[in-house]
Amino acid sequence: MNLSEALGEGLQVTVIGLVIVFSVLIILMLVMMAMKAIFYRENKPQKELQPATPSVHQNTKAKTEEVIDEEELIAVLTAAVAASLNTSTYHLNIKSYRRIGNSAPSWNQAGLRDVIDGRL
C-alpha cells in the first residue's frame, strides 16, 4: 500500500465517520422535536383581568395602580405558597388574603431585617 492509497482510505474513513455523526445528531434533533410536540403542554392564555371602570369622582390612575399592585401581590403570594409546598402554581388558587399586624418586638424585627439584608 503506497502513500496515496493510505491517504485515500483515511479520507474515506473520515468522511464516513462525519456522515454517521451528523446523521445521528439530526436523528436526535428530530426525536427531541417530536417529544416536544407530543409531551409539551402549552398553557392556554388566561383571561386578563380588566380593571373596574371608576366613577367620575375617583382618581383613575390610583385605582389602576391598586389593581396592578393587587395582581402582583397575589402572584407573589401564589409563588411563595407553591415554593413552600414544593408544588406547581398550576394547582393553587388564592381566593382571598388579609394583612396581619406585626406584633413582634422591635429587636426581633431588627434581627429579621439583618438576616434578610444579609441574604441579598
C-alpha atoms as a PDB file:
ATOM      1  CA  MET A   1       0.000   0.000   0.000  1.00  0.00           C
ATOM      2  CA  ASN A   2       1.516   3.296  -1.040  1.00  0.00           C
ATOM      3  CA  LEU A   3       1.007   6.767   0.387  1.00  0.00           C
ATOM      4  CA  SER A   4      -1.808   7.866  -1.935  1.00  0.00           C
ATOM      5  CA  GLU A   5      -3.858   4.737  -1.194  1.00  0.00           C
ATOM      6  CA  ALA A   6      -3.389   5.224   2.566  1.00  0.00           C
ATOM      7  CA  LEU A   7      -4.452   8.879   2.344  1.00  0.00           C
ATOM      8  CA  GLY A   8      -7.466   7.970   0.194  1.00  0.00           C
ATOM      9  CA  GLU A   9      -8.572   5.289   2.644  1.00  0.00           C
ATOM     10  CA  GLY A  10      -8.086   7.657   5.598  1.00  0.00           C
ATOM     11  CA  LEU A  11     -10.162  10.283   3.834  1.00  0.00           C
ATOM     12  CA  GLN A  12     -12.950   7.751   3.205  1.00  0.00           C
ATOM     13  CA  VAL A  13     -12.974   6.705   6.875  1.00  0.00           C
ATOM     14  CA  THR A  14     -13.079  10.373   7.936  1.00  0.00           C
ATOM     15  CA  VAL A  15     -15.962  11.213   5.614  1.00  0.00           C
ATOM     16  CA  ILE A  16     -17.945   8.120   6.642  1.00  0.00           C
ATOM     17  CA  GLY A  17     -17.377   8.959  10.324  1.00  0.00           C
ATOM     18  CA  LEU A  18     -18.544  12.545   9.851  1.00  0.00           C
ATOM     19  CA  VAL A  19     -21.634  11.416   7.946  1.00  0.00           C
ATOM     20  CA  ILE A  20     -22.531   8.946  10.702  1.00  0.00           C
ATOM     21  CA  VAL A  21     -22.018  11.507  13.483  1.00  0.00           C
ATOM     22  CA  PHE A  22     -24.088  14.217  11.813  1.00  0.00           C
ATOM     23  CA  SER A  23     -26.789  11.719  10.825  1.00  0.00           C
ATOM     24  CA  VAL A  24     -27.143  10.627  14.438  1.00  0.00           C
ATOM     25  CA  LEU A  25     -27.257  14.273  15.575  1.00  0.00           C
ATOM     26  CA  ILE A  26     -30.014  15.045  13.072  1.00  0.00           C
ATOM     27  CA  ILE A  27     -31.967  11.971  14.198  1.00  0.00           C
ATOM     28  CA  LEU A  28     -31.626  13.062  17.842  1.00  0.00           C
ATOM     29  CA  MET A  29     -32.808  16.557  16.955  1.00  0.00           C
ATOM     30  CA  LEU A  30     -35.871  15.155  15.184  1.00  0.00           C
ATOM     31  CA  VAL A  31     -36.666  12.851  18.103  1.00  0.00           C
ATOM     32  CA  MET A  32     -36.409  15.756  20.556  1.00  0.00           C
ATOM     33  CA  MET A  33     -38.647  17.934  18.390  1.00  0.00           C
ATOM     34  CA  ALA A  34     -41.200  15.106  18.213  1.00  0.00           C
ATOM     35  CA  MET A  35     -41.071  14.664  22.007  1.00  0.00           C
ATOM     36  CA  LYS A  36     -41.622  18.397  22.465  1.00  0.00           C
ATOM     37  CA  ALA A  37     -44.636  18.315  20.161  1.00  0.00           C
ATOM     38  CA  ILE A  38     -46.094  15.255  21.911  1.00  0.00           C
ATOM     39  CA  PHE A  39     -45.371  15.893  25.597  1.00  0.00           C
ATOM     40  CA  TYR A  40     -45.157  19.671  25.950  1.00  0.00           C
ATOM     41  CA  ARG A  41     -48.448  21.183  27.019  1.00  0.00           C
ATOM     42  CA  GLU A  42     -48.734  24.795  26.100  1.00  0.00           C
ATOM     43  CA  ASN A  43     -50.528  26.851  28.735  1.00  0.00           C
ATOM     44  CA  LYS A  44     -53.681  28.435  27.479  1.00  0.00           C
ATOM     45  CA  PRO A  45     -53.603  32.200  27.858  1.00  0.00           C
ATOM     46  CA  GLN A  46     -55.749  33.132  30.792  1.00  0.00           C
ATOM     47  CA  LYS A  47     -58.324  35.831  30.500  1.00  0.00           C
ATOM     48  CA  GLU A  48     -56.736  39.099  31.554  1.00  0.00           C
ATOM     49  CA  LEU A  49     -58.352  40.924  34.413  1.00  0.00           C
ATOM     50  CA  GLN A  50     -59.828  44.213  33.340  1.00  0.00           C
ATOM     51  CA  PRO A  51     -59.751  46.946  35.972  1.00  0.00           C
ATOM     52  CA  ALA A  52     -63.170  48.120  37.014  1.00  0.00           C
ATOM     53  CA  THR A  53     -64.137  51.428  35.485  1.00  0.00           C
ATOM     54  CA  PRO A  54     -64.071  54.025  38.249  1.00  0.00           C
ATOM     55  CA  SER A  55     -66.744  56.653  38.672  1.00  0.00           C
ATOM     56  CA  VAL A  56     -66.207  60.235  37.588  1.00  0.00           C
ATOM     57  CA  HIS A  57     -65.172  61.395  41.083  1.00  0.00           C
ATOM     58  CA  GLN A  58     -62.456  58.786  41.633  1.00  0.00           C
ATOM     59  CA  ASN A  59     -58.847  59.048  40.547  1.00  0.00           C
ATOM     60  CA  THR A  60     -58.423  56.598  37.655  1.00  0.00           C
ATOM     61  CA  LYS A  61     -54.631  56.381  37.931  1.00  0.00           C
ATOM     62  CA  ALA A  62     -54.732  55.479  41.627  1.00  0.00           C
ATOM     63  CA  LYS A  63     -57.354  52.772  41.038  1.00  0.00           C
ATOM     64  CA  THR A  64     -55.391  51.261  38.152  1.00  0.00           C
ATOM     65  CA  GLU A  65     -52.220  51.154  40.233  1.00  0.00           C
ATOM     66  CA  GLU A  66     -54.102  49.478  43.102  1.00  0.00           C
ATOM     67  CA  VAL A  67     -55.448  46.770  40.764  1.00  0.00           C
ATOM     68  CA  ILE A  68     -51.994  46.164  39.294  1.00  0.00           C
ATOM     69  CA  ASP A  69     -50.388  46.082  42.752  1.00  0.00           C
ATOM     70  CA  GLU A  70     -53.030  43.637  43.981  1.00  0.00           C
ATOM     71  CA  GLU A  71     -52.444  41.337  40.978  1.00  0.00           C
ATOM     72  CA  GLU A  72     -48.697  41.411  41.615  1.00  0.00           C
ATOM     73  CA  LEU A  73     -49.258  40.701  45.306  1.00  0.00           C
ATOM     74  CA  ILE A  74     -51.459  37.709  44.526  1.00  0.00           C
ATOM     75  CA  ALA A  75     -48.833  36.420  42.069  1.00  0.00           C
ATOM     76  CA  VAL A  76     -46.103  36.755  44.716  1.00  0.00           C
ATOM     77  CA  LEU A  77     -48.265  35.061  47.346  1.00  0.00           C
ATOM     78  CA  THR A  78     -49.045  32.193  44.970  1.00  0.00           C
ATOM     79  CA  ALA A  79     -45.359  31.728  44.170  1.00  0.00           C
ATOM     80  CA  ALA A  80     -44.420  31.780  47.856  1.00  0.00           C
ATOM     81  CA  VAL A  81     -47.044  29.200  48.784  1.00  0.00           C
ATOM     82  CA  ALA A  82     -46.021  26.983  45.862  1.00  0.00           C
ATOM     83  CA  ALA A  83     -42.360  27.194  46.884  1.00  0.00           C
ATOM     84  CA  SER A  84     -43.124  26.299  50.496  1.00  0.00           C
ATOM     85  CA  LEU A  85     -45.295  23.339  49.448  1.00  0.00           C
ATOM     86  CA  ASN A  86     -42.900  22.158  46.707  1.00  0.00           C
ATOM     87  CA  THR A  87     -45.672  22.157  44.140  1.00  0.00           C
ATOM     88  CA  SER A  88     -46.610  23.966  40.968  1.00  0.00           C
ATOM     89  CA  THR A  89     -48.594  27.190  40.900  1.00  0.00           C
ATOM     90  CA  TYR A  90     -50.939  25.468  38.447  1.00  0.00           C
ATOM     91  CA  HIS A  91     -52.682  23.656  41.304  1.00  0.00           C
ATOM     92  CA  LEU A  92     -53.037  26.713  43.564  1.00  0.00           C
ATOM     93  CA  ASN A  93     -55.755  29.301  43.597  1.00  0.00           C
ATOM     94  CA  ILE A  94     -55.592  32.076  46.182  1.00  0.00           C
ATOM     95  CA  LYS A  95     -59.144  33.246  46.793  1.00  0.00           C
ATOM     96  CA  SER A  96     -58.538  35.843  49.474  1.00  0.00           C
ATOM     97  CA  TYR A  97     -55.854  37.263  51.695  1.00  0.00           C
ATOM     98  CA  ARG A  98     -55.626  39.646  54.609  1.00  0.00           C
ATOM     99  CA  ARG A  99     -52.782  41.514  56.150  1.00  0.00           C
ATOM    100  CA  ILE A 100     -51.933  40.913  59.764  1.00  0.00           C
ATOM    101  CA  GLY A 101     -50.190  43.354  62.023  1.00  0.00           C
ATOM    102  CA  ASN A 102     -46.629  42.702  63.102  1.00  0.00           C
ATOM    103  CA  SER A 103     -46.740  42.357  66.876  1.00  0.00           C
ATOM    104  CA  ALA A 104     -43.137  41.168  67.224  1.00  0.00           C
ATOM    105  CA  PRO A 105     -40.797  43.200  69.448  1.00  0.00           C
ATOM    106  CA  SER A 106     -38.567  45.742  67.739  1.00  0.00           C
ATOM    107  CA  TRP A 107     -35.385  43.734  68.458  1.00  0.00           C
ATOM    108  CA  ASN A 108     -36.984  40.756  66.682  1.00  0.00           C
ATOM    109  CA  GLN A 109     -37.890  42.889  63.664  1.00  0.00           C
ATOM    110  CA  ALA A 110     -34.350  44.341  63.546  1.00  0.00           C
ATOM    111  CA  GLY A 111     -32.839  40.845  63.629  1.00  0.00           C
ATOM    112  CA  LEU A 112     -35.158  39.702  60.868  1.00  0.00           C
ATOM    113  CA  ARG A 113     -34.171  42.682  58.709  1.00  0.00           C
ATOM    114  CA  ASP A 114     -30.478  41.897  59.294  1.00  0.00           C
ATOM    115  CA  VAL A 115     -30.952  38.294  58.188  1.00  0.00           C
ATOM    116  CA  ILE A 116     -32.929  39.278  55.107  1.00  0.00           C
ATOM    117  CA  ASP A 117     -30.448  42.002  54.133  1.00  0.00           C
ATOM    118  CA  GLY A 118     -27.552  39.586  54.641  1.00  0.00           C
ATOM    119  CA  ARG A 119     -29.016  37.136  52.134  1.00  0.00           C
ATOM    120  CA  LEU A 120     -29.398  39.697  49.404  1.00  0.00           C
END
